[in-house]
Amino acid sequence: MKNMRSRETVSNRSGFSLVELSVVVIIIGVLAAFGIPRMLKSVERSKAAEAFQYLATVRAAQERYQARQGTYAATLTDLDMEQSAPKYFTVGTIQPGASGSLEDSWSLTLTRQGASAGYGAYTVTFTQEGYDSVNSTIQSMPDINPQGT
């Protein structure tokens, strides 16, 4: 009889002990500590990639404009591109490039606006040659720079 009673109490017990719950919480905390920074870096890298893609589109449109007009465009509205401005960057104005004249060079800088996952404000600059690593501050952030180092 005593043996039957102890089986009933054991089989009626359900739920988790405090130790088991604590172990699960610790495991989740460790996974989150490693996973969240990697996720934030990945999200910021995709936002930076949007800037690179936009500037590559501007560069292609500038080359088409230069082939037709003999000079580079002074404003983005002069270009034949159908892409909207990047959501997370402020688009600067087209400036003359290294030569000081829009006839043979140009430069355009995008500046990161808003929260940037702890990276702060950074810039991405393109010229008629493509990505300008010298004048882009994202160059010092290889973990989010789509161009790498």
C-alpha atoms as a PDB file:
ATOM      1  CA  MET A   1       0.000   0.000   0.000  1.00  0.00           C
ATOM      2  CA  LYS A   2       2.755   2.390   0.887  1.00  0.00           C
ATOM      3  CA  ASN A   3       4.436   1.665  -2.412  1.00  0.00           C
ATOM      4  CA  MET A   4       1.297   2.657  -4.371  1.00  0.00           C
ATOM      5  CA  ARG A   5       0.959   5.957  -2.547  1.00  0.00           C
ATOM      6  CA  SER A   6       4.512   7.059  -3.393  1.00  0.00           C
ATOM      7  CA  ARG A   7       3.949   6.261  -7.069  1.00  0.00           C
ATOM      8  CA  GLU A   8       0.821   8.406  -7.078  1.00  0.00           C
ATOM      9  CA  THR A   9       2.635  11.436  -5.625  1.00  0.00           C
ATOM     10  CA  VAL A  10       5.489  11.073  -8.070  1.00  0.00           C
ATOM     11  CA  SER A  11       3.188  10.751 -11.075  1.00  0.00           C
ATOM     12  CA  ASN A  12       1.002  13.684  -9.968  1.00  0.00           C
ATOM     13  CA  ARG A  13       3.976  16.065  -9.701  1.00  0.00           C
ATOM     14  CA  SER A  14       4.336  18.355 -12.730  1.00  0.00           C
ATOM     15  CA  GLY A  15       6.222  21.532 -13.677  1.00  0.00           C
ATOM     16  CA  PHE A  16       9.858  22.589 -13.536  1.00  0.00           C
ATOM     17  CA  SER A  17      12.062  23.168 -10.554  1.00  0.00           C
ATOM     18  CA  LEU A  18      13.644  26.539  -9.856  1.00  0.00           C
ATOM     19  CA  VAL A  19      17.063  25.165 -10.796  1.00  0.00           C
ATOM     20  CA  GLU A  20      15.826  23.959 -14.178  1.00  0.00           C
ATOM     21  CA  LEU A  21      14.220  27.318 -14.935  1.00  0.00           C
ATOM     22  CA  SER A  22      17.385  29.144 -13.849  1.00  0.00           C
ATOM     23  CA  VAL A  23      19.527  27.054 -16.193  1.00  0.00           C
ATOM     24  CA  VAL A  24      17.200  27.811 -19.119  1.00  0.00           C
ATOM     25  CA  VAL A  25      17.243  31.559 -18.338  1.00  0.00           C
ATOM     26  CA  ILE A  26      21.043  31.558 -18.167  1.00  0.00           C
ATOM     27  CA  ILE A  27      21.331  29.719 -21.490  1.00  0.00           C
ATOM     28  CA  ILE A  28      18.961  32.188 -23.166  1.00  0.00           C
ATOM     29  CA  GLY A  29      20.929  35.095 -21.688  1.00  0.00           C
ATOM     30  CA  VAL A  30      24.232  33.775 -23.033  1.00  0.00           C
ATOM     31  CA  LEU A  31      22.760  33.203 -26.485  1.00  0.00           C
ATOM     32  CA  ALA A  32      21.295  36.715 -26.493  1.00  0.00           C
ATOM     33  CA  ALA A  33      24.602  38.235 -25.372  1.00  0.00           C
ATOM     34  CA  PHE A  34      26.305  36.773 -28.437  1.00  0.00           C
ATOM     35  CA  GLY A  35      23.418  37.014 -30.902  1.00  0.00           C
ATOM     36  CA  ILE A  36      22.091  40.548 -30.443  1.00  0.00           C
ATOM     37  CA  PRO A  37      25.344  42.390 -31.299  1.00  0.00           C
ATOM     38  CA  ARG A  38      25.784  40.230 -34.414  1.00  0.00           C
ATOM     39  CA  MET A  39      22.204  40.944 -35.458  1.00  0.00           C
ATOM     40  CA  LEU A  40      22.657  44.710 -34.938  1.00  0.00           C
ATOM     41  CA  LYS A  41      25.884  44.628 -36.971  1.00  0.00           C
ATOM     42  CA  SER A  42      24.120  42.768 -39.753  1.00  0.00           C
ATOM     43  CA  VAL A  43      21.248  45.274 -39.816  1.00  0.00           C
ATOM     44  CA  GLU A  44      23.658  48.231 -39.918  1.00  0.00           C
ATOM     45  CA  ARG A  45      25.664  46.574 -42.682  1.00  0.00           C
ATOM     46  CA  SER A  46      22.491  46.207 -44.778  1.00  0.00           C
ATOM     47  CA  LYS A  47      21.691  49.895 -44.261  1.00  0.00           C
ATOM     48  CA  ALA A  48      25.201  50.801 -45.393  1.00  0.00           C
ATOM     49  CA  ALA A  49      24.763  48.544 -48.427  1.00  0.00           C
ATOM     50  CA  GLU A  50      21.694  50.601 -49.326  1.00  0.00           C
ATOM     51  CA  ALA A  51      23.892  53.713 -49.441  1.00  0.00           C
ATOM     52  CA  PHE A  52      26.473  51.982 -51.636  1.00  0.00           C
ATOM     53  CA  GLN A  53      23.767  50.780 -54.016  1.00  0.00           C
ATOM     54  CA  TYR A  54      22.225  54.263 -54.236  1.00  0.00           C
ATOM     55  CA  LEU A  55      25.603  55.867 -54.940  1.00  0.00           C
ATOM     56  CA  ALA A  56      26.403  53.230 -57.576  1.00  0.00           C
ATOM     57  CA  THR A  57      23.127  54.160 -59.289  1.00  0.00           C
ATOM     58  CA  VAL A  58      24.075  57.856 -59.129  1.00  0.00           C
ATOM     59  CA  ARG A  59      27.479  57.047 -60.606  1.00  0.00           C
ATOM     60  CA  ALA A  60      25.928  55.170 -63.544  1.00  0.00           C
ATOM     61  CA  ALA A  61      23.466  58.023 -64.146  1.00  0.00           C
ATOM     62  CA  GLN A  62      26.317  60.547 -63.987  1.00  0.00           C
ATOM     63  CA  GLU A  63      28.236  58.598 -66.631  1.00  0.00           C
ATOM     64  CA  ARG A  64      25.189  58.589 -68.932  1.00  0.00           C
ATOM     65  CA  TYR A  65      24.700  62.333 -68.341  1.00  0.00           C
ATOM     66  CA  GLN A  66      28.372  63.037 -69.029  1.00  0.00           C
ATOM     67  CA  ALA A  67      28.230  61.041 -72.279  1.00  0.00           C
ATOM     68  CA  ARG A  68      25.252  63.140 -73.472  1.00  0.00           C
ATOM     69  CA  GLN A  69      26.178  66.581 -72.118  1.00  0.00           C
ATOM     70  CA  GLY A  70      29.974  66.554 -71.952  1.00  0.00           C
ATOM     71  CA  THR A  71      29.943  67.426 -68.244  1.00  0.00           C
ATOM     72  CA  TYR A  72      28.682  65.856 -65.055  1.00  0.00           C
ATOM     73  CA  ALA A  73      25.318  66.921 -63.588  1.00  0.00           C
ATOM     74  CA  ALA A  74      25.292  69.510 -60.824  1.00  0.00           C
ATOM     75  CA  THR A  75      22.068  68.265 -59.231  1.00  0.00           C
ATOM     76  CA  LEU A  76      20.495  64.871 -58.720  1.00  0.00           C
ATOM     77  CA  THR A  77      17.288  66.009 -60.416  1.00  0.00           C
ATOM     78  CA  ASP A  78      19.208  66.361 -63.709  1.00  0.00           C
ATOM     79  CA  LEU A  79      20.010  62.645 -63.675  1.00  0.00           C
ATOM     80  CA  ASP A  80      17.869  59.971 -65.334  1.00  0.00           C
ATOM     81  CA  MET A  81      17.522  57.664 -62.363  1.00  0.00           C
ATOM     82  CA  GLU A  82      14.360  56.286 -60.834  1.00  0.00           C
ATOM     83  CA  GLN A  83      15.631  55.415 -57.399  1.00  0.00           C
ATOM     84  CA  SER A  84      14.381  57.113 -54.262  1.00  0.00           C
ATOM     85  CA  ALA A  85      16.819  58.547 -51.735  1.00  0.00           C
ATOM     86  CA  PRO A  86      18.106  56.135 -49.076  1.00  0.00           C
ATOM     87  CA  LYS A  87      15.927  55.931 -45.994  1.00  0.00           C
ATOM     88  CA  TYR A  88      18.681  56.050 -43.363  1.00  0.00           C
ATOM     89  CA  PHE A  89      21.072  58.559 -44.962  1.00  0.00           C
ATOM     90  CA  THR A  90      21.054  62.262 -45.716  1.00  0.00           C
ATOM     91  CA  VAL A  91      22.000  62.893 -49.323  1.00  0.00           C
ATOM     92  CA  GLY A  92      24.449  65.743 -49.811  1.00  0.00           C
ATOM     93  CA  THR A  93      24.829  67.826 -52.926  1.00  0.00           C
ATOM     94  CA  ILE A  94      26.959  66.977 -55.917  1.00  0.00           C
ATOM     95  CA  GLN A  95      30.291  68.749 -55.639  1.00  0.00           C
ATOM     96  CA  PRO A  96      33.115  69.155 -58.153  1.00  0.00           C
ATOM     97  CA  GLY A  97      35.687  66.422 -57.608  1.00  0.00           C
ATOM     98  CA  ALA A  98      39.471  66.497 -57.408  1.00  0.00           C
ATOM     99  CA  SER A  99      39.861  68.627 -60.544  1.00  0.00           C
ATOM    100  CA  GLY A 100      37.589  71.337 -59.126  1.00  0.00           C
ATOM    101  CA  SER A 101      35.300  71.221 -62.154  1.00  0.00           C
ATOM    102  CA  LEU A 102      32.176  69.215 -62.935  1.00  0.00           C
ATOM    103  CA  GLU A 103      33.419  68.799 -66.498  1.00  0.00           C
ATOM    104  CA  ASP A 104      35.596  65.859 -65.520  1.00  0.00           C
ATOM    105  CA  SER A 105      34.984  64.988 -61.849  1.00  0.00           C
ATOM    106  CA  TRP A 106      32.311  64.936 -59.164  1.00  0.00           C
ATOM    107  CA  SER A 107      31.784  63.817 -55.568  1.00  0.00           C
ATOM    108  CA  LEU A 108      28.672  62.961 -53.557  1.00  0.00           C
ATOM    109  CA  THR A 109      28.522  62.108 -49.857  1.00  0.00           C
ATOM    110  CA  LEU A 110      25.762  60.369 -47.897  1.00  0.00           C
ATOM    111  CA  THR A 111      25.693  60.837 -44.122  1.00  0.00           C
ATOM    112  CA  ARG A 112      24.128  58.277 -41.782  1.00  0.00           C
ATOM    113  CA  GLN A 113      21.261  59.792 -39.826  1.00  0.00           C
ATOM    114  CA  GLY A 114      19.561  58.593 -36.657  1.00  0.00           C
ATOM    115  CA  ALA A 115      20.623  55.737 -34.412  1.00  0.00           C
ATOM    116  CA  SER A 116      23.269  53.549 -35.982  1.00  0.00           C
ATOM    117  CA  ALA A 117      23.555  50.597 -33.578  1.00  0.00           C
ATOM    118  CA  GLY A 118      26.323  52.273 -31.614  1.00  0.00           C
ATOM    119  CA  TYR A 119      28.467  53.161 -34.635  1.00  0.00           C
ATOM    120  CA  GLY A 120      27.662  56.870 -34.586  1.00  0.00           C
ATOM    121  CA  ALA A 121      27.393  59.062 -37.656  1.00  0.00           C
ATOM    122  CA  TYR A 122      29.450  57.985 -40.645  1.00  0.00           C
ATOM    123  CA  THR A 123      29.708  58.964 -44.291  1.00  0.00           C
ATOM    124  CA  VAL A 124      29.918  57.156 -47.622  1.00  0.00           C
ATOM    125  CA  THR A 125      31.426  59.097 -50.542  1.00  0.00           C
ATOM    126  CA  PHE A 126      31.475  58.241 -54.236  1.00  0.00           C
ATOM    127  CA  THR A 127      33.225  59.994 -57.115  1.00  0.00           C
ATOM    128  CA  GLN A 128      33.343  59.370 -60.851  1.00  0.00           C
ATOM    129  CA  GLU A 129      35.828  56.592 -60.025  1.00  0.00           C
ATOM    130  CA  GLY A 130      33.436  54.834 -57.594  1.00  0.00           C
ATOM    131  CA  TYR A 131      33.768  54.353 -53.833  1.00  0.00           C
ATOM    132  CA  ASP A 132      36.066  56.984 -52.267  1.00  0.00           C
ATOM    133  CA  SER A 133      37.711  55.197 -49.340  1.00  0.00           C
ATOM    134  CA  VAL A 134      39.837  58.238 -48.449  1.00  0.00           C
ATOM    135  CA  ASN A 135      36.900  60.573 -47.754  1.00  0.00           C
ATOM    136  CA  SER A 136      34.421  57.972 -46.429  1.00  0.00           C
ATOM    137  CA  THR A 137      34.398  57.593 -42.649  1.00  0.00           C
ATOM    138  CA  ILE A 138      32.785  54.146 -42.952  1.00  0.00           C
ATOM    139  CA  GLN A 139      36.228  52.964 -44.061  1.00  0.00           C
ATOM    140  CA  SER A 140      37.259  52.864 -40.390  1.00  0.00           C
ATOM    141  CA  MET A 141      34.362  50.478 -39.629  1.00  0.00           C
ATOM    142  CA  PRO A 142      35.175  47.267 -41.540  1.00  0.00           C
ATOM    143  CA  ASP A 143      32.562  45.226 -39.682  1.00  0.00           C
ATOM    144  CA  ILE A 144      29.718  47.231 -41.310  1.00  0.00           C
ATOM    145  CA  ASN A 145      31.463  48.367 -44.510  1.00  0.00           C
ATOM    146  CA  PRO A 146      30.102  46.321 -47.430  1.00  0.00           C
ATOM    147  CA  GLN A 147      33.340  47.035 -49.314  1.00  0.00           C
ATOM    148  CA  GLY A 148      35.383  45.440 -46.520  1.00  0.00           C
ATOM    149  CA  THR A 149      38.884  46.654 -45.856  1.00  0.00           C
END
